Amino acid sequence: MNKIDAYIGFCIKKGCAVLGVDGIEVCRRKVHLILFSNDLADNSLKKLSKFASQRNCPMQEYDLAFLNRSCRAIALCDANLAKAVMSALKG
């Protein structure tokens, strides 16, 4: 398990993550980062892009297979963990 997986796991345990495209679309909380799988359907990607542009939050492709779920997208609602994930992705 690498750093990014650990950060995402912390966010899920803390309750600051929203799983799935449908869940993200109806999320009322402040979203700081959206991660999506490379096998996400085109229509779902369009929905996420629309949501991200409305909420002014970044999107990044990342392999979410470590979650052991059929989840293709996750939104991080914790500012510090989202910042840590972004810096780890760039570095």
N, C-alpha and C. Protein backbone atom coordinates (compact mmCIF):
# COMPACT_ATOMS: atom_id res chain seq x y z
N MET A 1 0.85 -1.18 0.00
CA MET A 1 0.00 0.00 0.00
C MET A 1 0.90 1.25 0.00
N ASN A 2 0.61 2.16 -0.90
CA ASN A 2 1.42 3.38 -0.97
C ASN A 2 0.76 4.52 -0.20
N LYS A 3 1.40 5.68 -0.23
CA LYS A 3 0.91 6.84 0.54
C LYS A 3 -0.49 7.26 0.13
N ILE A 4 -0.72 7.32 -1.18
CA ILE A 4 -2.01 7.81 -1.69
C ILE A 4 -3.14 6.89 -1.23
N ASP A 5 -2.91 5.59 -1.33
CA ASP A 5 -3.91 4.62 -0.86
C ASP A 5 -4.20 4.82 0.63
N ALA A 6 -3.16 5.08 1.39
CA ALA A 6 -3.33 5.30 2.84
C ALA A 6 -4.14 6.56 3.10
N TYR A 7 -3.83 7.64 2.38
CA TYR A 7 -4.57 8.89 2.55
C TYR A 7 -6.05 8.71 2.22
N ILE A 8 -6.31 7.99 1.14
CA ILE A 8 -7.71 7.74 0.75
C ILE A 8 -8.40 6.89 1.82
N GLY A 9 -7.69 5.90 2.33
CA GLY A 9 -8.23 5.06 3.40
C GLY A 9 -8.55 5.87 4.66
N PHE A 10 -7.66 6.80 5.02
CA PHE A 10 -7.92 7.68 6.17
C PHE A 10 -9.18 8.51 5.94
N CYS A 11 -9.31 9.01 4.73
CA CYS A 11 -10.46 9.85 4.40
C CYS A 11 -11.77 9.05 4.51
N ILE A 12 -11.75 7.81 4.05
CA ILE A 12 -12.93 6.95 4.12
C ILE A 12 -13.27 6.66 5.59
N LYS A 13 -12.25 6.29 6.39
CA LYS A 13 -12.49 5.98 7.80
C LYS A 13 -12.98 7.19 8.57
N LYS A 14 -12.51 8.35 8.20
CA LYS A 14 -12.90 9.60 8.86
C LYS A 14 -14.32 10.01 8.47
N GLY A 15 -14.85 9.43 7.39
CA GLY A 15 -16.18 9.77 6.93
C GLY A 15 -16.20 10.99 6.04
N CYS A 16 -15.07 11.33 5.47
CA CYS A 16 -14.94 12.51 4.62
C CYS A 16 -14.78 12.14 3.16
N ALA A 17 -15.33 11.01 2.76
CA ALA A 17 -15.24 10.58 1.37
C ALA A 17 -16.63 10.20 0.87
N VAL A 18 -16.87 10.50 -0.38
CA VAL A 18 -18.12 10.11 -1.02
C VAL A 18 -17.77 9.16 -2.15
N LEU A 19 -18.37 7.97 -2.13
CA LEU A 19 -18.06 6.95 -3.12
C LEU A 19 -19.10 6.90 -4.22
N GLY A 20 -18.64 6.72 -5.45
CA GLY A 20 -19.53 6.52 -6.58
C GLY A 20 -19.98 7.82 -7.23
N VAL A 21 -20.23 7.73 -8.53
CA VAL A 21 -20.64 8.91 -9.32
C VAL A 21 -21.98 9.45 -8.83
N ASP A 22 -22.93 8.56 -8.57
CA ASP A 22 -24.25 9.01 -8.12
C ASP A 22 -24.17 9.71 -6.77
N GLY A 23 -23.37 9.18 -5.87
CA GLY A 23 -23.18 9.80 -4.57
C GLY A 23 -22.51 11.16 -4.66
N ILE A 24 -21.53 11.26 -5.54
CA ILE A 24 -20.82 12.52 -5.72
C ILE A 24 -21.76 13.58 -6.29
N GLU A 25 -22.59 13.18 -7.24
CA GLU A 25 -23.51 14.13 -7.88
C GLU A 25 -24.46 14.80 -6.90
N VAL A 26 -24.89 14.08 -5.87
CA VAL A 26 -25.84 14.64 -4.90
C VAL A 26 -25.17 15.12 -3.62
N CYS A 27 -23.84 15.13 -3.59
CA CYS A 27 -23.10 15.55 -2.41
C CYS A 27 -23.30 17.03 -2.14
N ARG A 28 -23.63 17.37 -0.92
CA ARG A 28 -23.85 18.76 -0.51
C ARG A 28 -22.62 19.36 0.17
N ARG A 29 -21.65 18.50 0.51
CA ARG A 29 -20.46 18.97 1.21
C ARG A 29 -19.45 19.57 0.23
N LYS A 30 -18.49 20.29 0.76
CA LYS A 30 -17.42 20.86 -0.05
C LYS A 30 -16.49 19.73 -0.49
N VAL A 31 -16.35 19.58 -1.80
CA VAL A 31 -15.48 18.54 -2.35
C VAL A 31 -14.16 19.19 -2.76
N HIS A 32 -13.05 18.61 -2.31
CA HIS A 32 -11.74 19.19 -2.58
C HIS A 32 -10.98 18.46 -3.67
N LEU A 33 -11.35 17.20 -3.95
CA LEU A 33 -10.67 16.42 -4.99
C LEU A 33 -11.56 15.26 -5.41
N ILE A 34 -11.59 15.00 -6.71
CA ILE A 34 -12.31 13.84 -7.24
C ILE A 34 -11.30 12.94 -7.92
N LEU A 35 -11.27 11.69 -7.50
CA LEU A 35 -10.42 10.68 -8.13
C LEU A 35 -11.32 9.71 -8.88
N PHE A 36 -10.91 9.33 -10.08
CA PHE A 36 -11.72 8.40 -10.86
C PHE A 36 -10.84 7.36 -11.53
N SER A 37 -11.41 6.20 -11.78
CA SER A 37 -10.72 5.09 -12.41
C SER A 37 -10.59 5.31 -13.91
N ASN A 38 -9.62 4.65 -14.51
CA ASN A 38 -9.46 4.80 -15.96
C ASN A 38 -10.53 4.02 -16.74
N ASP A 39 -11.24 3.12 -16.08
CA ASP A 39 -12.29 2.36 -16.75
C ASP A 39 -13.69 2.94 -16.48
N LEU A 40 -13.74 4.20 -16.08
CA LEU A 40 -15.02 4.88 -15.86
C LEU A 40 -15.71 5.12 -17.20
N ALA A 41 -17.00 4.89 -17.26
CA ALA A 41 -17.76 5.07 -18.50
C ALA A 41 -17.76 6.54 -18.91
N ASP A 42 -17.87 6.78 -20.21
CA ASP A 42 -17.82 8.15 -20.75
C ASP A 42 -18.92 9.03 -20.17
N ASN A 43 -20.13 8.48 -20.06
CA ASN A 43 -21.25 9.26 -19.55
C ASN A 43 -21.01 9.67 -18.08
N SER A 44 -20.48 8.75 -17.31
CA SER A 44 -20.16 9.05 -15.91
C SER A 44 -19.05 10.09 -15.81
N LEU A 45 -18.08 10.00 -16.71
CA LEU A 45 -16.99 10.98 -16.72
C LEU A 45 -17.52 12.37 -17.05
N LYS A 46 -18.48 12.45 -17.95
CA LYS A 46 -19.11 13.73 -18.28
C LYS A 46 -19.84 14.31 -17.07
N LYS A 47 -20.55 13.44 -16.34
CA LYS A 47 -21.26 13.89 -15.13
C LYS A 47 -20.28 14.43 -14.10
N LEU A 48 -19.17 13.71 -13.90
CA LEU A 48 -18.18 14.16 -12.93
C LEU A 48 -17.52 15.46 -13.37
N SER A 49 -17.24 15.59 -14.66
CA SER A 49 -16.63 16.82 -15.17
C SER A 49 -17.54 18.01 -14.96
N LYS A 50 -18.83 17.80 -15.19
CA LYS A 50 -19.81 18.88 -14.98
C LYS A 50 -19.84 19.28 -13.50
N PHE A 51 -19.88 18.28 -12.63
CA PHE A 51 -19.90 18.54 -11.18
C PHE A 51 -18.64 19.29 -10.76
N ALA A 52 -17.49 18.83 -11.25
CA ALA A 52 -16.21 19.45 -10.87
C ALA A 52 -16.12 20.89 -11.35
N SER A 53 -16.62 21.16 -12.54
CA SER A 53 -16.56 22.53 -13.04
C SER A 53 -17.52 23.44 -12.27
N GLN A 54 -18.68 22.91 -11.87
CA GLN A 54 -19.62 23.71 -11.08
C GLN A 54 -19.06 24.00 -9.69
N ARG A 55 -18.39 23.04 -9.10
CA ARG A 55 -17.87 23.18 -7.74
C ARG A 55 -16.43 23.69 -7.70
N ASN A 56 -15.82 23.83 -8.86
CA ASN A 56 -14.45 24.32 -8.96
C ASN A 56 -13.48 23.45 -8.16
N CYS A 57 -13.54 22.13 -8.39
CA CYS A 57 -12.62 21.21 -7.72
C CYS A 57 -11.86 20.39 -8.77
N PRO A 58 -10.62 20.02 -8.46
CA PRO A 58 -9.82 19.27 -9.42
C PRO A 58 -10.25 17.81 -9.53
N MET A 59 -9.98 17.24 -10.70
CA MET A 59 -10.22 15.82 -10.96
C MET A 59 -8.89 15.19 -11.35
N GLN A 60 -8.70 13.95 -10.93
CA GLN A 60 -7.46 13.24 -11.26
C GLN A 60 -7.76 11.78 -11.48
N GLU A 61 -7.16 11.20 -12.50
CA GLU A 61 -7.31 9.76 -12.73
C GLU A 61 -6.38 9.01 -11.78
N TYR A 62 -6.92 7.95 -11.16
CA TYR A 62 -6.14 7.15 -10.22
C TYR A 62 -6.75 5.75 -10.15
N ASP A 63 -5.91 4.75 -10.00
CA ASP A 63 -6.38 3.36 -9.92
C ASP A 63 -6.98 3.10 -8.54
N LEU A 64 -8.29 2.88 -8.50
CA LEU A 64 -8.99 2.67 -7.23
C LEU A 64 -9.24 1.20 -6.92
N ALA A 65 -8.48 0.30 -7.57
CA ALA A 65 -8.69 -1.14 -7.38
C ALA A 65 -8.42 -1.59 -5.95
N PHE A 66 -7.57 -0.86 -5.21
CA PHE A 66 -7.23 -1.26 -3.84
C PHE A 66 -8.42 -1.18 -2.89
N LEU A 67 -9.49 -0.48 -3.28
CA LEU A 67 -10.67 -0.34 -2.43
C LEU A 67 -11.45 -1.65 -2.28
N ASN A 68 -11.21 -2.60 -3.18
CA ASN A 68 -11.92 -3.89 -3.17
C ASN A 68 -13.43 -3.71 -3.26
N ARG A 69 -13.84 -2.71 -3.99
CA ARG A 69 -15.25 -2.44 -4.24
C ARG A 69 -15.40 -2.18 -5.72
N SER A 70 -16.62 -2.10 -6.18
CA SER A 70 -16.82 -1.79 -7.60
C SER A 70 -16.92 -0.28 -7.79
N CYS A 71 -16.24 0.46 -6.93
CA CYS A 71 -16.26 1.92 -6.96
C CYS A 71 -15.32 2.43 -8.05
N ARG A 72 -15.84 3.31 -8.89
CA ARG A 72 -15.04 3.87 -9.98
C ARG A 72 -14.67 5.33 -9.75
N ALA A 73 -15.26 5.96 -8.73
CA ALA A 73 -14.96 7.36 -8.44
C ALA A 73 -15.11 7.61 -6.94
N ILE A 74 -14.30 8.54 -6.44
CA ILE A 74 -14.36 8.91 -5.04
C ILE A 74 -14.09 10.40 -4.92
N ALA A 75 -14.85 11.06 -4.06
CA ALA A 75 -14.65 12.48 -3.80
C ALA A 75 -14.12 12.63 -2.38
N LEU A 76 -13.06 13.41 -2.24
CA LEU A 76 -12.47 13.66 -0.93
C LEU A 76 -12.95 15.01 -0.41
N CYS A 77 -13.54 14.99 0.78
CA CYS A 77 -14.12 16.21 1.35
C CYS A 77 -13.26 16.81 2.45
N ASP A 78 -12.13 16.22 2.75
CA ASP A 78 -11.20 16.76 3.74
C ASP A 78 -10.10 17.52 3.02
N ALA A 79 -9.96 18.80 3.32
CA ALA A 79 -9.02 19.66 2.59
C ALA A 79 -7.57 19.20 2.75
N ASN A 80 -7.18 18.84 3.97
CA ASN A 80 -5.79 18.47 4.21
C ASN A 80 -5.42 17.14 3.53
N LEU A 81 -6.31 16.17 3.61
CA LEU A 81 -6.02 14.89 2.96
C LEU A 81 -6.04 15.03 1.44
N ALA A 82 -6.95 15.84 0.92
CA ALA A 82 -6.99 16.07 -0.53
C ALA A 82 -5.70 16.75 -0.99
N LYS A 83 -5.22 17.69 -0.20
CA LYS A 83 -3.97 18.39 -0.52
C LYS A 83 -2.80 17.41 -0.50
N ALA A 84 -2.78 16.51 0.48
CA ALA A 84 -1.71 15.51 0.59
C ALA A 84 -1.74 14.56 -0.60
N VAL A 85 -2.93 14.15 -1.02
CA VAL A 85 -3.06 13.27 -2.18
C VAL A 85 -2.55 13.97 -3.44
N MET A 86 -2.94 15.23 -3.63
CA MET A 86 -2.51 15.97 -4.81
C MET A 86 -0.98 16.12 -4.83
N SER A 87 -0.38 16.42 -3.70
CA SER A 87 1.07 16.58 -3.68
C SER A 87 1.78 15.25 -3.92
N ALA A 88 1.21 14.15 -3.42
CA ALA A 88 1.80 12.82 -3.65
C ALA A 88 1.65 12.41 -5.11
N LEU A 89 0.55 12.80 -5.74
CA LEU A 89 0.36 12.48 -7.17
C LEU A 89 1.34 13.24 -8.04
N LYS A 90 1.63 14.47 -7.68
CA LYS A 90 2.57 15.29 -8.46
C LYS A 90 4.02 14.86 -8.23
N GLY A 91 4.30 14.37 -7.04
CA GLY A 91 5.67 14.03 -6.69
C GLY A 91 6.01 12.64 -6.99
